[in-house]
């Protein structure tokens, strides 16, 4: 989704925190207004562009996708990039927010979009069962209370052997992250455990993004709660808003030099596959 789904807030958890210490005051996600408030900033965010490049490269490592599922497709940025890279692929996006689905239809007109709550108890009657040969779940799992349940539910769309690439934040949590509903950030072991518990076969989980992704994230953390206002449309022409836009533009070329894997990276990336069909 490039930005997430569902309700209530959890805080950052690293290897030194207990689950109880990681929880913060419950709140309410407002995803339709989220895209109004932060959609433009999301499009300019060099970290999002970096994650798209990373996921696209990892997806096609085992062949060009024929049918690609975007789990939490947000406002369609990834689907648009996938359509440009693989014009012959069939594309399907699942997204909780109706406003995001409408935005995605404009950005990726060749993709099919479905407004869908993957954590609802009942499966959609017209679910495209066992459809996807490839799938991506980018910056979604940190937004939900039950990441295992979300992936387990999404597996209904995955064909046997489907290749899944998941990205989640792996560094410290910022005030902005909390504002947009991050429950937790993930170490490689955390993400591996979630994918395994969902029934997927995990191929690898790595840290990525060192050094410039980390530096960018460090500045986001230092900006604190001020970034919440700075990133909204009403602040675009303010000195703070212009500074944010200039900073994003300055980091874009630097992100080309991030290491694809590093033990110090603050981006966590996992590759898994749907188990083969039982004979």
Protein backbone atom coordinates (compact mmCIF):
# COMPACT_ATOMS: atom_id res chain seq x y z
CA UNK A 1 0.00 0.00 0.00
CA UNK A 2 2.61 2.28 0.14
CA UNK A 3 0.89 3.39 3.26
CA UNK A 4 -1.28 0.90 5.07
CA UNK A 5 -4.72 -0.14 6.45
CA UNK A 6 -6.91 -0.88 9.55
CA UNK A 7 -7.38 0.54 13.15
CA UNK A 8 -5.61 1.44 16.46
CA UNK A 9 -2.02 2.42 17.10
CA UNK A 10 0.93 0.35 18.24
CA UNK A 11 4.42 1.72 18.86
CA UNK A 12 7.94 0.69 17.79
CA UNK A 13 9.32 -2.59 19.06
CA UNK A 14 12.96 -3.58 18.75
CA UNK A 15 14.79 -6.58 20.15
CA UNK A 16 15.16 -4.88 23.54
CA UNK A 17 11.48 -3.97 24.02
CA UNK A 18 8.68 -6.09 25.39
CA UNK A 19 5.33 -6.21 23.61
CA UNK A 20 3.78 -4.30 26.51
CA UNK A 21 6.39 -1.55 26.27
CA UNK A 22 5.79 -1.24 22.53
CA UNK A 23 2.12 -0.29 22.82
CA UNK A 24 1.02 3.33 22.77
CA UNK A 25 -2.33 5.01 23.24
CA UNK A 26 -4.99 3.56 20.90
CA UNK A 27 -6.22 5.86 18.19
CA UNK A 28 -8.26 5.68 15.02
CA UNK A 29 -6.98 5.36 11.46
CA UNK A 30 -8.65 7.65 8.94
CA UNK A 31 -7.39 6.36 5.63
CA UNK A 32 -9.65 8.31 3.29
CA UNK A 33 -8.53 11.63 4.79
CA UNK A 34 -4.95 10.30 4.96
CA UNK A 35 -4.68 10.33 1.18
CA UNK A 36 -6.05 13.87 1.03
CA UNK A 37 -3.56 15.04 3.66
CA UNK A 38 -0.44 13.16 2.58
CA UNK A 39 -1.02 11.84 -0.95
CA UNK A 40 1.16 14.49 -2.61
CA UNK A 41 3.95 14.05 -0.08
CA UNK A 42 3.73 10.29 -0.61
CA UNK A 43 4.26 10.76 -4.35
CA UNK A 44 7.35 12.93 -3.77
CA UNK A 45 8.84 10.75 -1.04
CA UNK A 46 12.16 9.32 -2.30
CA UNK A 47 11.85 6.45 0.17
CA UNK A 48 8.70 5.28 -1.62
CA UNK A 49 10.45 5.45 -4.99
CA UNK A 50 13.38 3.50 -3.54
CA UNK A 51 11.08 0.77 -2.22
CA UNK A 52 9.31 0.50 -5.56
CA UNK A 53 12.59 0.00 -7.41
CA UNK A 54 13.67 -2.58 -4.87
CA UNK A 55 10.41 -4.54 -5.01
CA UNK A 56 10.19 -4.44 -8.81
CA UNK A 57 13.72 -5.82 -9.13
CA UNK A 58 13.11 -8.59 -6.60
CA UNK A 59 9.78 -9.58 -8.13
CA UNK A 60 11.23 -10.17 -11.59
CA UNK A 61 14.29 -12.06 -10.35
CA UNK A 62 12.34 -15.28 -10.96
CA UNK A 63 10.74 -14.19 -14.22
CA UNK A 64 8.45 -11.44 -15.51
CA UNK A 65 5.14 -11.36 -13.61
CA UNK A 66 2.11 -12.61 -15.51
CA UNK A 67 -0.48 -11.73 -12.84
CA UNK A 68 0.62 -9.33 -10.09
CA UNK A 69 -1.29 -8.71 -6.85
CA UNK A 70 -0.60 -5.55 -4.82
CA UNK A 71 -1.70 -6.22 -1.24
CA UNK A 72 -2.60 -2.81 0.17
CA UNK A 73 -2.27 -0.92 -3.09
CA UNK A 74 -2.79 2.56 -1.64
CA UNK A 75 -3.09 5.31 -4.24
CA UNK A 76 -1.70 3.14 -7.04
CA UNK A 77 1.90 4.30 -7.25
CA UNK A 78 3.30 0.77 -7.31
CA UNK A 79 0.67 -0.48 -9.75
CA UNK A 80 1.47 2.40 -12.11
CA UNK A 81 5.18 1.56 -11.95
CA UNK A 82 4.44 -2.13 -12.53
CA UNK A 83 2.24 -1.32 -15.54
CA UNK A 84 5.06 0.73 -17.08
CA UNK A 85 7.67 -1.97 -16.44
CA UNK A 86 5.55 -4.99 -17.45
CA UNK A 87 2.92 -3.76 -19.93
CA UNK A 88 1.72 -7.31 -20.61
CA UNK A 89 1.06 -8.22 -16.98
CA UNK A 90 -2.40 -8.40 -15.43
CA UNK A 91 -2.56 -6.23 -12.30
CA UNK A 92 -4.87 -6.37 -9.29
CA UNK A 93 -4.82 -4.12 -6.23
CA UNK A 94 -6.51 -4.79 -2.87
CA UNK A 95 -7.03 -1.71 -0.68
CA UNK A 96 -9.13 -0.80 2.36
CA UNK A 97 -9.60 2.90 1.56
CA UNK A 98 -12.22 3.79 -1.02
CA UNK A 99 -10.55 7.16 -1.64
CA UNK A 100 -7.25 5.43 -2.36
CA UNK A 101 -8.95 3.00 -4.74
CA UNK A 102 -10.36 5.92 -6.75
CA UNK A 103 -6.92 7.58 -6.87
CA UNK A 104 -5.34 4.31 -7.97
CA UNK A 105 -7.84 3.94 -10.81
CA UNK A 106 -6.63 7.27 -12.17
CA UNK A 107 -2.93 6.45 -11.77
CA UNK A 108 -3.10 2.85 -13.02
CA UNK A 109 -6.07 2.62 -15.41
CA UNK A 110 -5.04 -0.81 -16.73
CA UNK A 111 -5.15 -2.37 -13.25
CA UNK A 112 -8.18 -3.84 -11.55
CA UNK A 113 -8.85 -2.39 -8.09
CA UNK A 114 -10.85 -3.92 -5.28
CA UNK A 115 -11.93 -2.17 -2.06
CA UNK A 116 -11.33 -4.98 0.39
CA UNK A 117 -10.82 -5.41 4.15
CA UNK A 118 -8.44 -8.35 4.39
CA UNK A 119 -9.01 -8.60 8.14
CA UNK A 120 -12.77 -9.05 7.80
CA UNK A 121 -13.97 -12.50 8.83
CA UNK A 122 -15.63 -13.47 5.55
CA UNK A 123 -13.78 -13.82 2.25
CA UNK A 124 -15.21 -11.89 -0.73
CA UNK A 125 -17.57 -14.15 -2.66
CA UNK A 126 -15.91 -13.23 -5.96
CA UNK A 127 -12.32 -13.52 -4.71
CA UNK A 128 -9.88 -14.27 -7.57
CA UNK A 129 -8.75 -17.48 -5.86
CA UNK A 130 -5.23 -18.74 -6.57
CA UNK A 131 -4.80 -16.02 -9.21
CA UNK A 132 -1.47 -14.24 -8.66
CA UNK A 133 1.89 -15.47 -9.94
CA UNK A 134 3.63 -12.58 -8.14
CA UNK A 135 2.59 -10.37 -5.21
CA UNK A 136 3.86 -7.35 -3.31
CA UNK A 137 2.97 -6.09 0.16
CA UNK A 138 4.87 -2.83 0.59
CA UNK A 139 4.66 -0.74 3.78
CA UNK A 140 1.41 -2.34 4.93
CA UNK A 141 2.10 -4.78 7.76
CA UNK A 142 3.27 -2.07 10.16
CA UNK A 143 -0.21 -0.51 9.96
CA UNK A 144 -2.26 -3.47 11.18
CA UNK A 145 -2.83 -5.10 14.54
CA UNK A 146 -2.68 -8.59 12.99
CA UNK A 147 -0.04 -8.76 10.23
CA UNK A 148 -0.11 -12.57 10.30
CA UNK A 149 -3.87 -12.56 9.76
CA UNK A 150 -3.60 -10.08 6.90
CA UNK A 151 -1.03 -12.17 5.02
CA UNK A 152 -2.93 -15.37 5.74
CA UNK A 153 -6.08 -13.78 4.29
CA UNK A 154 -4.21 -12.47 1.23
CA UNK A 155 -2.97 -15.97 0.45
CA UNK A 156 -6.43 -16.74 -0.98
CA UNK A 157 -5.34 -14.81 -4.08
CA UNK A 158 -1.91 -16.46 -4.44
CA UNK A 159 -1.33 -19.26 -6.91
CA UNK A 160 0.89 -22.15 -5.76
CA UNK A 161 4.51 -21.01 -6.05
CA UNK A 162 3.54 -17.30 -6.15
CA UNK A 163 6.53 -15.08 -5.34
CA UNK A 164 5.79 -12.47 -2.65
CA UNK A 165 7.97 -9.47 -1.83
CA UNK A 166 7.20 -7.62 1.42
CA UNK A 167 8.76 -4.40 2.68
CA UNK A 168 8.35 -2.98 6.18
CA UNK A 169 10.14 -0.24 8.14
CA UNK A 170 12.97 -1.52 10.27
CA UNK A 171 14.44 1.48 12.07
CA UNK A 172 13.24 3.68 14.93
CA UNK A 173 9.71 5.06 14.79
CA UNK A 174 9.09 8.76 14.21
CA UNK A 175 6.24 10.97 15.41
CA UNK A 176 5.00 11.03 11.81
CA UNK A 177 4.97 7.21 11.72
CA UNK A 178 2.82 7.13 14.83
CA UNK A 179 0.49 9.75 13.37
CA UNK A 180 -0.18 7.62 10.28
CA UNK A 181 -0.82 4.52 12.35
CA UNK A 182 2.36 2.47 12.60
CA UNK A 183 1.93 -0.24 15.23
CA UNK A 184 5.47 -1.60 15.09
CA UNK A 185 8.66 -1.68 13.05
CA UNK A 186 10.23 -4.99 12.13
CA UNK A 187 13.62 -6.61 12.45
CA UNK A 188 14.40 -9.31 9.86
CA UNK A 189 13.54 -11.94 12.47
CA UNK A 190 10.18 -10.23 13.11
CA UNK A 191 9.24 -10.23 9.42
CA UNK A 192 10.43 -13.79 8.93
CA UNK A 193 8.27 -14.91 11.87
CA UNK A 194 5.18 -13.11 10.50
CA UNK A 195 5.51 -14.60 7.02
CA UNK A 196 6.17 -18.09 8.38
CA UNK A 197 3.21 -17.91 10.78
CA UNK A 198 1.00 -16.89 7.84
CA UNK A 199 1.91 -20.15 6.10
CA UNK A 200 4.36 -18.78 3.52
CA UNK A 201 7.69 -20.37 2.67
CA UNK A 202 10.33 -17.74 3.47
CA UNK A 203 13.27 -17.52 1.07
CA UNK A 204 15.18 -14.60 2.57
CA UNK A 205 14.79 -11.52 4.75
CA UNK A 206 17.35 -8.71 4.62
CA UNK A 207 18.01 -5.20 5.84
CA UNK A 208 18.52 -2.61 3.09
CA UNK A 209 18.88 1.13 2.58
CA UNK A 210 22.20 1.98 4.19
CA UNK A 211 23.41 4.72 4.28
CA UNK A 212 21.14 7.31 2.67
CA UNK A 213 17.78 5.78 3.57
CA UNK A 214 18.92 5.77 7.20
CA UNK A 215 20.06 9.38 6.98
CA UNK A 216 16.75 10.44 5.43
CA UNK A 217 14.80 8.58 8.11
CA UNK A 218 16.97 10.18 10.79
CA UNK A 219 15.95 13.63 9.55
CA UNK A 220 12.28 12.57 9.59
CA UNK A 221 12.70 11.49 13.21
CA UNK A 222 14.46 14.73 14.17
CA UNK A 223 11.70 16.83 12.60
CA UNK A 224 9.25 15.26 15.08
CA UNK A 225 5.57 16.20 15.07
CA UNK A 226 6.26 19.31 12.97
CA UNK A 227 6.51 17.10 9.88
CA UNK A 228 2.83 16.19 10.20
CA UNK A 229 1.85 19.74 9.25
CA UNK A 230 4.82 20.36 6.95
CA UNK A 231 3.83 17.46 4.67
CA UNK A 232 0.21 18.54 4.13
CA UNK A 233 -1.00 20.50 1.08
CA UNK A 234 -1.77 23.68 3.04
CA UNK A 235 1.95 23.94 3.93
CA UNK A 236 3.35 23.45 0.42
CA UNK A 237 4.31 27.10 -0.06
CA UNK A 238 5.33 27.77 3.53
CA UNK A 239 9.07 27.93 4.37
CA UNK A 240 8.82 24.60 6.20
CA UNK A 241 6.88 22.97 3.36
CA UNK A 242 9.39 24.19 0.78
CA UNK A 243 12.22 22.85 2.93
CA UNK A 244 10.55 19.43 3.06
CA UNK A 245 10.08 19.36 -0.73
CA UNK A 246 13.67 20.48 -1.32
CA UNK A 247 14.98 17.83 1.05
CA UNK A 248 12.99 15.09 -0.69
CA UNK A 249 14.34 16.19 -4.08
CA UNK A 250 17.91 16.31 -2.79
CA UNK A 251 17.75 12.76 -1.45
CA UNK A 252 16.28 11.23 -4.61
CA UNK A 253 19.61 10.82 -6.50
CA UNK A 254 21.40 9.77 -3.31
CA UNK A 255 19.02 6.83 -2.90
CA UNK A 256 20.51 5.30 -6.06
CA UNK A 257 23.61 4.56 -3.97
CA UNK A 258 21.91 2.77 -1.08
CA UNK A 259 23.31 -0.70 -0.46
CA UNK A 260 20.85 -3.44 -1.54
CA UNK A 261 21.63 -5.30 1.69
CA UNK A 262 23.41 -4.25 4.84
CA UNK A 263 23.14 -5.23 8.52
CA UNK A 264 22.76 -1.52 9.28
CA UNK A 265 19.88 -0.72 6.89
CA UNK A 266 16.58 0.57 8.27
CA UNK A 267 14.46 -0.93 5.49
CA UNK A 268 13.43 -4.56 6.03
CA UNK A 269 12.69 -6.64 2.93
CA UNK A 270 11.42 -10.21 2.74
CA UNK A 271 10.90 -12.69 -0.08
CA UNK A 272 8.58 -15.66 0.31
CA UNK A 273 6.42 -17.91 -1.80
CA UNK A 274 3.07 -19.60 -1.60
CA UNK A 275 3.65 -23.32 -0.95
CA UNK A 276 3.19 -25.64 -3.94
CA UNK A 277 -0.14 -27.39 -4.27
CA UNK A 278 -0.35 -30.71 -2.45
CA UNK A 279 -0.61 -33.70 -4.74
